[in-house]
Amino acid sequence: MKIKLVCIFILSTLISCSKDNMDRIPDVYVSYKITLQEFNIRSQNGLLLVNNQANTGVAGLIIYRRADGAYVAYDRCSSVNPQKRCAIVPDNPNLTATDPCSGAKFSLYDGSPAKAPAQRGLKEYKVIITNFDLTVVN
């Protein structure tokens, strides 16, 4: 009897873990570099959308210069049903971004969920600033 209970517990744990992994944005290699001057030219109000291309995340990147001057970068893939690879789009003004597939909203300040059905934040990548360059990596 104890063996059956242990087997049921292990099986239910494995099933719940696999469902959780399906609801996460996949890990992919990210390496994107742009000069700060080009960022300032191409960005609109401190926000730059990078379409999905090699090494730019699952659904592309969104790079945002916050009001405090810090740069943050997120994968544009929504954390709501990430298997759909639905790319978030910035709202006006650039304080939040919306998943057009589910209507979920996310804060661009820290990537946190701002409106249901979002429960997880956006996948954030590391931003490295050097003398003239901005690099996004994971």
N, C-alpha and C. Protein backbone atom coordinates (compact mmCIF):
# COMPACT_ATOMS: atom_id res chain seq x y z
N MET A 1 0.82 -1.20 0.00
CA MET A 1 0.00 0.00 0.00
C MET A 1 0.86 1.26 0.00
N LYS A 2 1.93 1.25 0.81
CA LYS A 2 2.82 2.41 0.88
C LYS A 2 3.52 2.64 -0.45
N ILE A 3 3.86 1.57 -1.13
CA ILE A 3 4.53 1.69 -2.42
C ILE A 3 3.60 2.36 -3.43
N LYS A 4 2.33 1.98 -3.41
CA LYS A 4 1.36 2.60 -4.32
C LYS A 4 1.22 4.09 -4.04
N LEU A 5 1.18 4.47 -2.77
CA LEU A 5 1.07 5.89 -2.41
C LEU A 5 2.30 6.67 -2.86
N VAL A 6 3.47 6.09 -2.68
CA VAL A 6 4.71 6.74 -3.11
C VAL A 6 4.71 6.91 -4.63
N CYS A 7 4.30 5.87 -5.35
CA CYS A 7 4.24 5.94 -6.81
C CYS A 7 3.25 7.02 -7.27
N ILE A 8 2.10 7.08 -6.64
CA ILE A 8 1.11 8.10 -7.00
C ILE A 8 1.65 9.49 -6.72
N PHE A 9 2.33 9.68 -5.60
CA PHE A 9 2.91 10.97 -5.25
C PHE A 9 3.96 11.39 -6.29
N ILE A 10 4.86 10.48 -6.63
CA ILE A 10 5.91 10.78 -7.61
C ILE A 10 5.30 11.09 -8.97
N LEU A 11 4.33 10.31 -9.39
CA LEU A 11 3.68 10.54 -10.67
C LEU A 11 2.97 11.89 -10.71
N SER A 12 2.26 12.24 -9.66
CA SER A 12 1.56 13.53 -9.63
C SER A 12 2.55 14.68 -9.61
N THR A 13 3.68 14.51 -8.94
CA THR A 13 4.72 15.54 -8.93
C THR A 13 5.29 15.74 -10.32
N LEU A 14 5.58 14.65 -11.01
CA LEU A 14 6.12 14.75 -12.37
C LEU A 14 5.13 15.40 -13.32
N ILE A 15 3.88 15.07 -13.22
CA ILE A 15 2.85 15.66 -14.08
C ILE A 15 2.73 17.15 -13.82
N SER A 16 2.72 17.55 -12.55
CA SER A 16 2.58 18.99 -12.24
C SER A 16 3.81 19.75 -12.68
N CYS A 17 5.00 19.16 -12.58
CA CYS A 17 6.22 19.85 -13.01
C CYS A 17 6.24 20.02 -14.52
N SER A 18 5.81 19.01 -15.26
CA SER A 18 5.84 19.12 -16.71
C SER A 18 4.86 20.18 -17.19
N LYS A 19 3.71 20.32 -16.56
CA LYS A 19 2.75 21.37 -16.91
C LYS A 19 3.35 22.74 -16.64
N ASP A 20 4.05 22.88 -15.50
CA ASP A 20 4.67 24.14 -15.15
C ASP A 20 5.73 24.53 -16.17
N ASN A 21 6.51 23.56 -16.63
CA ASN A 21 7.54 23.85 -17.62
C ASN A 21 6.94 24.25 -18.96
N MET A 22 5.76 23.73 -19.30
CA MET A 22 5.11 24.11 -20.55
C MET A 22 4.65 25.56 -20.51
N ASP A 23 4.40 26.08 -19.32
CA ASP A 23 3.91 27.44 -19.18
C ASP A 23 5.02 28.45 -18.99
N ARG A 24 6.24 28.07 -19.22
CA ARG A 24 7.38 28.98 -19.08
C ARG A 24 7.94 29.34 -20.45
N ILE A 25 8.47 30.53 -20.54
CA ILE A 25 9.12 30.97 -21.77
C ILE A 25 10.40 30.15 -21.93
N PRO A 26 10.60 29.54 -23.08
CA PRO A 26 11.78 28.69 -23.27
C PRO A 26 13.09 29.46 -23.12
N ASP A 27 14.12 28.75 -22.69
CA ASP A 27 15.46 29.34 -22.62
C ASP A 27 16.10 29.23 -23.99
N VAL A 28 16.48 30.37 -24.54
CA VAL A 28 17.17 30.41 -25.83
C VAL A 28 18.38 31.33 -25.69
N TYR A 29 19.33 31.16 -26.57
CA TYR A 29 20.54 31.99 -26.55
C TYR A 29 20.19 33.41 -26.99
N VAL A 30 20.66 34.39 -26.22
CA VAL A 30 20.41 35.80 -26.54
C VAL A 30 21.73 36.55 -26.54
N SER A 31 21.99 37.26 -27.62
CA SER A 31 23.16 38.12 -27.73
C SER A 31 22.85 39.19 -28.77
N TYR A 32 22.53 40.40 -28.30
CA TYR A 32 22.16 41.50 -29.20
C TYR A 32 22.97 42.72 -28.79
N LYS A 33 23.56 43.39 -29.75
CA LYS A 33 24.40 44.56 -29.47
C LYS A 33 24.00 45.72 -30.36
N ILE A 34 23.95 46.90 -29.76
CA ILE A 34 23.61 48.12 -30.48
C ILE A 34 24.39 49.27 -29.85
N THR A 35 24.79 50.24 -30.65
CA THR A 35 25.47 51.39 -30.06
C THR A 35 24.43 52.25 -29.33
N LEU A 36 24.87 52.95 -28.32
CA LEU A 36 23.95 53.83 -27.59
C LEU A 36 23.41 54.92 -28.51
N GLN A 37 24.24 55.39 -29.43
CA GLN A 37 23.79 56.41 -30.38
C GLN A 37 22.68 55.86 -31.27
N GLU A 38 22.86 54.64 -31.78
CA GLU A 38 21.83 54.04 -32.62
C GLU A 38 20.56 53.78 -31.81
N PHE A 39 20.71 53.35 -30.55
CA PHE A 39 19.54 53.15 -29.69
C PHE A 39 18.76 54.46 -29.58
N ASN A 40 19.46 55.56 -29.33
CA ASN A 40 18.79 56.85 -29.19
C ASN A 40 18.10 57.30 -30.47
N ILE A 41 18.66 56.94 -31.62
CA ILE A 41 18.07 57.31 -32.91
C ILE A 41 16.85 56.43 -33.20
N ARG A 42 16.97 55.12 -32.98
CA ARG A 42 15.91 54.17 -33.35
C ARG A 42 14.79 54.05 -32.31
N SER A 43 15.08 54.38 -31.07
CA SER A 43 14.06 54.20 -30.03
C SER A 43 13.04 55.32 -30.08
N GLN A 44 11.86 55.02 -29.57
CA GLN A 44 10.81 56.02 -29.47
C GLN A 44 10.48 56.19 -27.99
N ASN A 45 10.77 57.36 -27.47
CA ASN A 45 10.56 57.65 -26.04
C ASN A 45 11.28 56.64 -25.15
N GLY A 46 12.50 56.25 -25.53
CA GLY A 46 13.29 55.34 -24.72
C GLY A 46 12.92 53.88 -24.85
N LEU A 47 12.19 53.52 -25.89
CA LEU A 47 11.76 52.14 -26.07
C LEU A 47 12.13 51.65 -27.47
N LEU A 48 12.78 50.50 -27.53
CA LEU A 48 13.18 49.93 -28.81
C LEU A 48 12.64 48.51 -28.92
N LEU A 49 11.92 48.24 -30.00
CA LEU A 49 11.46 46.89 -30.29
C LEU A 49 12.42 46.24 -31.27
N VAL A 50 12.87 45.04 -30.95
CA VAL A 50 13.74 44.28 -31.84
C VAL A 50 12.93 43.08 -32.31
N ASN A 51 12.68 43.02 -33.61
CA ASN A 51 11.91 41.90 -34.15
C ASN A 51 12.67 40.60 -33.97
N ASN A 52 11.93 39.51 -33.99
CA ASN A 52 12.51 38.19 -33.79
C ASN A 52 13.49 37.89 -34.92
N GLN A 53 14.73 37.70 -34.55
CA GLN A 53 15.79 37.32 -35.48
C GLN A 53 16.77 36.46 -34.69
N ALA A 54 17.83 36.03 -35.30
CA ALA A 54 18.79 35.16 -34.60
C ALA A 54 19.29 35.83 -33.33
N ASN A 55 19.29 35.07 -32.25
CA ASN A 55 19.84 35.47 -30.95
C ASN A 55 19.11 36.63 -30.29
N THR A 56 17.82 36.80 -30.58
CA THR A 56 17.06 37.88 -29.96
C THR A 56 15.85 37.35 -29.19
N GLY A 57 16.01 36.22 -28.54
CA GLY A 57 14.94 35.69 -27.72
C GLY A 57 13.93 34.87 -28.49
N VAL A 58 12.83 34.56 -27.82
CA VAL A 58 11.79 33.72 -28.40
C VAL A 58 10.94 34.50 -29.40
N ALA A 59 10.55 35.72 -29.04
CA ALA A 59 9.68 36.53 -29.91
C ALA A 59 10.26 37.92 -30.15
N GLY A 60 11.57 38.05 -30.04
CA GLY A 60 12.20 39.35 -30.19
C GLY A 60 12.46 39.98 -28.82
N LEU A 61 12.97 41.20 -28.84
CA LEU A 61 13.31 41.90 -27.60
C LEU A 61 12.58 43.22 -27.50
N ILE A 62 12.38 43.64 -26.27
CA ILE A 62 11.91 44.99 -25.99
C ILE A 62 12.93 45.58 -25.01
N ILE A 63 13.59 46.66 -25.44
CA ILE A 63 14.60 47.31 -24.61
C ILE A 63 14.04 48.66 -24.20
N TYR A 64 14.10 48.94 -22.90
CA TYR A 64 13.44 50.12 -22.35
C TYR A 64 14.40 50.89 -21.45
N ARG A 65 14.48 52.20 -21.68
CA ARG A 65 15.24 53.08 -20.79
C ARG A 65 14.25 53.68 -19.80
N ARG A 66 14.37 53.26 -18.54
CA ARG A 66 13.45 53.73 -17.50
C ARG A 66 13.71 55.19 -17.17
N ALA A 67 12.78 55.78 -16.45
CA ALA A 67 12.90 57.19 -16.06
C ALA A 67 14.13 57.44 -15.20
N ASP A 68 14.60 56.42 -14.47
CA ASP A 68 15.79 56.59 -13.64
C ASP A 68 17.08 56.42 -14.44
N GLY A 69 16.97 56.22 -15.77
CA GLY A 69 18.14 56.11 -16.64
C GLY A 69 18.66 54.69 -16.82
N ALA A 70 18.14 53.74 -16.07
CA ALA A 70 18.57 52.34 -16.21
C ALA A 70 17.91 51.71 -17.44
N TYR A 71 18.62 50.79 -18.06
CA TYR A 71 18.10 50.06 -19.21
C TYR A 71 17.66 48.67 -18.76
N VAL A 72 16.53 48.21 -19.27
CA VAL A 72 16.05 46.85 -19.03
C VAL A 72 15.69 46.24 -20.38
N ALA A 73 15.80 44.92 -20.45
CA ALA A 73 15.47 44.21 -21.69
C ALA A 73 14.66 42.97 -21.35
N TYR A 74 13.60 42.75 -22.11
CA TYR A 74 12.72 41.62 -21.91
C TYR A 74 12.51 40.89 -23.22
N ASP A 75 12.19 39.60 -23.11
CA ASP A 75 11.75 38.85 -24.27
C ASP A 75 10.34 39.34 -24.58
N ARG A 76 10.01 39.54 -25.84
CA ARG A 76 8.67 39.99 -26.20
C ARG A 76 7.64 38.88 -26.10
N CYS A 77 8.07 37.65 -25.88
CA CYS A 77 7.14 36.53 -25.74
C CYS A 77 6.35 36.70 -24.44
N SER A 78 5.05 36.69 -24.55
CA SER A 78 4.19 36.82 -23.38
C SER A 78 4.32 35.59 -22.49
N SER A 79 4.24 35.81 -21.18
CA SER A 79 4.30 34.69 -20.23
C SER A 79 2.94 33.98 -20.12
N VAL A 80 1.91 34.51 -20.78
CA VAL A 80 0.61 33.86 -20.85
C VAL A 80 0.61 33.00 -22.12
N ASN A 81 0.48 31.70 -21.97
CA ASN A 81 0.53 30.76 -23.10
C ASN A 81 1.77 30.98 -23.97
N PRO A 82 2.98 30.86 -23.41
CA PRO A 82 4.19 31.15 -24.18
C PRO A 82 4.40 30.25 -25.39
N GLN A 83 3.75 29.08 -25.41
CA GLN A 83 3.88 28.21 -26.57
C GLN A 83 3.31 28.86 -27.84
N LYS A 84 2.44 29.86 -27.68
CA LYS A 84 1.90 30.59 -28.84
C LYS A 84 2.89 31.62 -29.38
N ARG A 85 3.91 31.96 -28.58
CA ARG A 85 4.95 32.92 -28.98
C ARG A 85 4.36 34.27 -29.40
N CYS A 86 3.35 34.69 -28.67
CA CYS A 86 2.68 35.96 -28.96
C CYS A 86 3.55 37.11 -28.45
N ALA A 87 3.92 38.03 -29.34
CA ALA A 87 4.82 39.13 -29.00
C ALA A 87 4.05 40.30 -28.38
N ILE A 88 4.50 40.75 -27.22
CA ILE A 88 3.86 41.89 -26.56
C ILE A 88 4.14 43.16 -27.36
N VAL A 89 3.23 44.11 -27.24
CA VAL A 89 3.39 45.40 -27.91
C VAL A 89 3.26 46.51 -26.86
N PRO A 90 4.08 47.55 -26.98
CA PRO A 90 4.04 48.62 -25.98
C PRO A 90 2.76 49.43 -26.08
N ASP A 91 2.29 49.90 -24.92
CA ASP A 91 1.14 50.78 -24.86
C ASP A 91 1.63 52.22 -24.93
N ASN A 92 0.74 53.14 -25.12
CA ASN A 92 1.09 54.55 -25.15
C ASN A 92 0.49 55.22 -23.92
N PRO A 93 1.20 55.79 -23.02
CA PRO A 93 2.65 55.97 -22.99
C PRO A 93 3.37 54.66 -22.65
N ASN A 94 4.68 54.66 -22.80
CA ASN A 94 5.48 53.45 -22.67
C ASN A 94 5.67 53.00 -21.22
N LEU A 95 4.61 52.78 -20.50
CA LEU A 95 4.73 52.31 -19.12
C LEU A 95 4.37 50.84 -19.01
N THR A 96 3.55 50.35 -19.94
CA THR A 96 3.13 48.96 -19.95
C THR A 96 3.18 48.42 -21.38
N ALA A 97 3.07 47.11 -21.48
CA ALA A 97 2.98 46.45 -22.79
C ALA A 97 1.87 45.42 -22.69
N THR A 98 1.20 45.18 -23.83
CA THR A 98 0.04 44.30 -23.86
C THR A 98 0.30 43.09 -24.74
N ASP A 99 -0.18 41.95 -24.28
CA ASP A 99 -0.19 40.72 -25.08
C ASP A 99 -1.45 40.78 -25.93
N PRO A 100 -1.34 40.95 -27.25
CA PRO A 100 -2.53 41.05 -28.09
C PRO A 100 -3.34 39.76 -28.17
N CYS A 101 -2.76 38.63 -27.81
CA CYS A 101 -3.48 37.36 -27.87
C CYS A 101 -4.39 37.16 -26.66
N SER A 102 -3.95 37.60 -25.47
CA SER A 102 -4.74 37.34 -24.26
C SER A 102 -5.26 38.61 -23.58
N GLY A 103 -4.71 39.77 -23.93
CA GLY A 103 -5.10 41.02 -23.28
C GLY A 103 -4.33 41.29 -22.00
N ALA A 104 -3.41 40.41 -21.62
CA ALA A 104 -2.61 40.61 -20.41
C ALA A 104 -1.70 41.82 -20.58
N LYS A 105 -1.43 42.50 -19.47
CA LYS A 105 -0.53 43.66 -19.49
C LYS A 105 0.64 43.42 -18.54
N PHE A 106 1.78 44.03 -18.90
CA PHE A 106 3.01 43.90 -18.12
C PHE A 106 3.64 45.27 -17.94
N SER A 107 4.22 45.49 -16.77
CA SER A 107 4.95 46.72 -16.49
C SER A 107 6.29 46.68 -17.21
N LEU A 108 6.65 47.76 -17.88
CA LEU A 108 7.96 47.82 -18.52
C LEU A 108 9.04 48.24 -17.53
N TYR A 109 8.66 48.73 -16.38
CA TYR A 109 9.64 49.13 -15.37
C TYR A 109 10.39 47.91 -14.85
N ASP A 110 9.64 46.84 -14.52
CA ASP A 110 10.28 45.66 -13.96
C ASP A 110 9.80 44.35 -14.57
N GLY A 111 8.93 44.41 -15.58
CA GLY A 111 8.45 43.21 -16.26
C GLY A 111 7.35 42.47 -15.54
N SER A 112 6.88 43.00 -14.42
CA SER A 112 5.87 42.30 -13.62
C SER A 112 4.50 42.33 -14.28
N PRO A 113 3.64 41.34 -13.96
CA PRO A 113 2.29 41.34 -14.52
C PRO A 113 1.49 42.52 -13.97
N ALA A 114 0.75 43.20 -14.85
CA ALA A 114 -0.03 44.37 -14.45
C ALA A 114 -1.52 44.17 -14.61
N LYS A 115 -1.93 43.16 -15.41
CA LYS A 115 -3.35 42.91 -15.62
C LYS A 115 -3.54 41.43 -15.98
N ALA A 116 -4.57 40.84 -15.40
CA ALA A 116 -4.89 39.43 -15.67
C ALA A 116 -5.18 39.24 -17.16
N PRO A 117 -4.92 38.09 -17.69
CA PRO A 117 -4.62 36.84 -17.03
C PRO A 117 -3.13 36.61 -16.71
N ALA A 118 -2.30 37.61 -16.83
CA ALA A 118 -0.87 37.43 -16.54
C ALA A 118 -0.65 37.11 -15.07
N GLN A 119 0.12 36.06 -14.82
CA GLN A 119 0.48 35.69 -13.45
C GLN A 119 1.99 35.72 -13.26
N ARG A 120 2.73 35.58 -14.34
CA ARG A 120 4.19 35.62 -14.30
C ARG A 120 4.67 36.85 -15.06
N GLY A 121 5.82 37.34 -14.65
CA GLY A 121 6.42 38.48 -15.33
C GLY A 121 7.06 38.08 -16.64
N LEU A 122 7.53 39.08 -17.36
CA LEU A 122 8.24 38.85 -18.60
C LEU A 122 9.62 38.28 -18.30
N LYS A 123 10.19 37.59 -19.27
CA LYS A 123 11.54 37.05 -19.11
C LYS A 123 12.52 38.20 -19.34
N GLU A 124 13.33 38.47 -18.32
CA GLU A 124 14.27 39.59 -18.37
C GLU A 124 15.66 39.09 -18.74
N TYR A 125 16.36 39.90 -19.52
CA TYR A 125 17.73 39.59 -19.90
C TYR A 125 18.67 40.64 -19.32
N LYS A 126 19.92 40.29 -19.25
CA LYS A 126 20.94 41.18 -18.69
C LYS A 126 21.32 42.24 -19.73
N VAL A 127 21.43 43.50 -19.27
CA VAL A 127 21.85 44.60 -20.13
C VAL A 127 23.21 45.08 -19.65
N ILE A 128 24.17 45.12 -20.57
CA ILE A 128 25.52 45.59 -20.25
C ILE A 128 25.77 46.87 -21.04
N ILE A 129 26.13 47.92 -20.32
CA ILE A 129 26.44 49.20 -20.96
C ILE A 129 27.95 49.41 -20.87
N THR A 130 28.58 49.65 -22.01
CA THR A 130 29.99 50.01 -22.04
C THR A 130 30.07 51.45 -22.55
N ASN A 131 31.25 51.89 -22.92
CA ASN A 131 31.42 53.29 -23.35
C ASN A 131 30.43 53.71 -24.41
N PHE A 132 30.28 52.91 -25.44
CA PHE A 132 29.44 53.30 -26.57
C PHE A 132 28.36 52.29 -26.93
N ASP A 133 28.35 51.15 -26.26
CA ASP A 133 27.48 50.05 -26.67
C ASP A 133 26.52 49.62 -25.58
N LEU A 134 25.39 49.08 -26.03
CA LEU A 134 24.41 48.44 -25.17
C LEU A 134 24.32 47.00 -25.67
N THR A 135 24.55 46.04 -24.77
CA THR A 135 24.51 44.63 -25.14
C THR A 135 23.50 43.92 -24.27
N VAL A 136 22.67 43.09 -24.89
CA VAL A 136 21.68 42.29 -24.18
C VAL A 136 22.10 40.84 -24.31
N VAL A 137 22.23 40.17 -23.15
CA VAL A 137 22.66 38.76 -23.13
C VAL A 137 21.88 38.01 -22.06
N ASN A 138 22.00 36.69 -22.11
CA ASN A 138 21.44 35.88 -21.02
C ASN A 138 22.51 35.03 -20.41
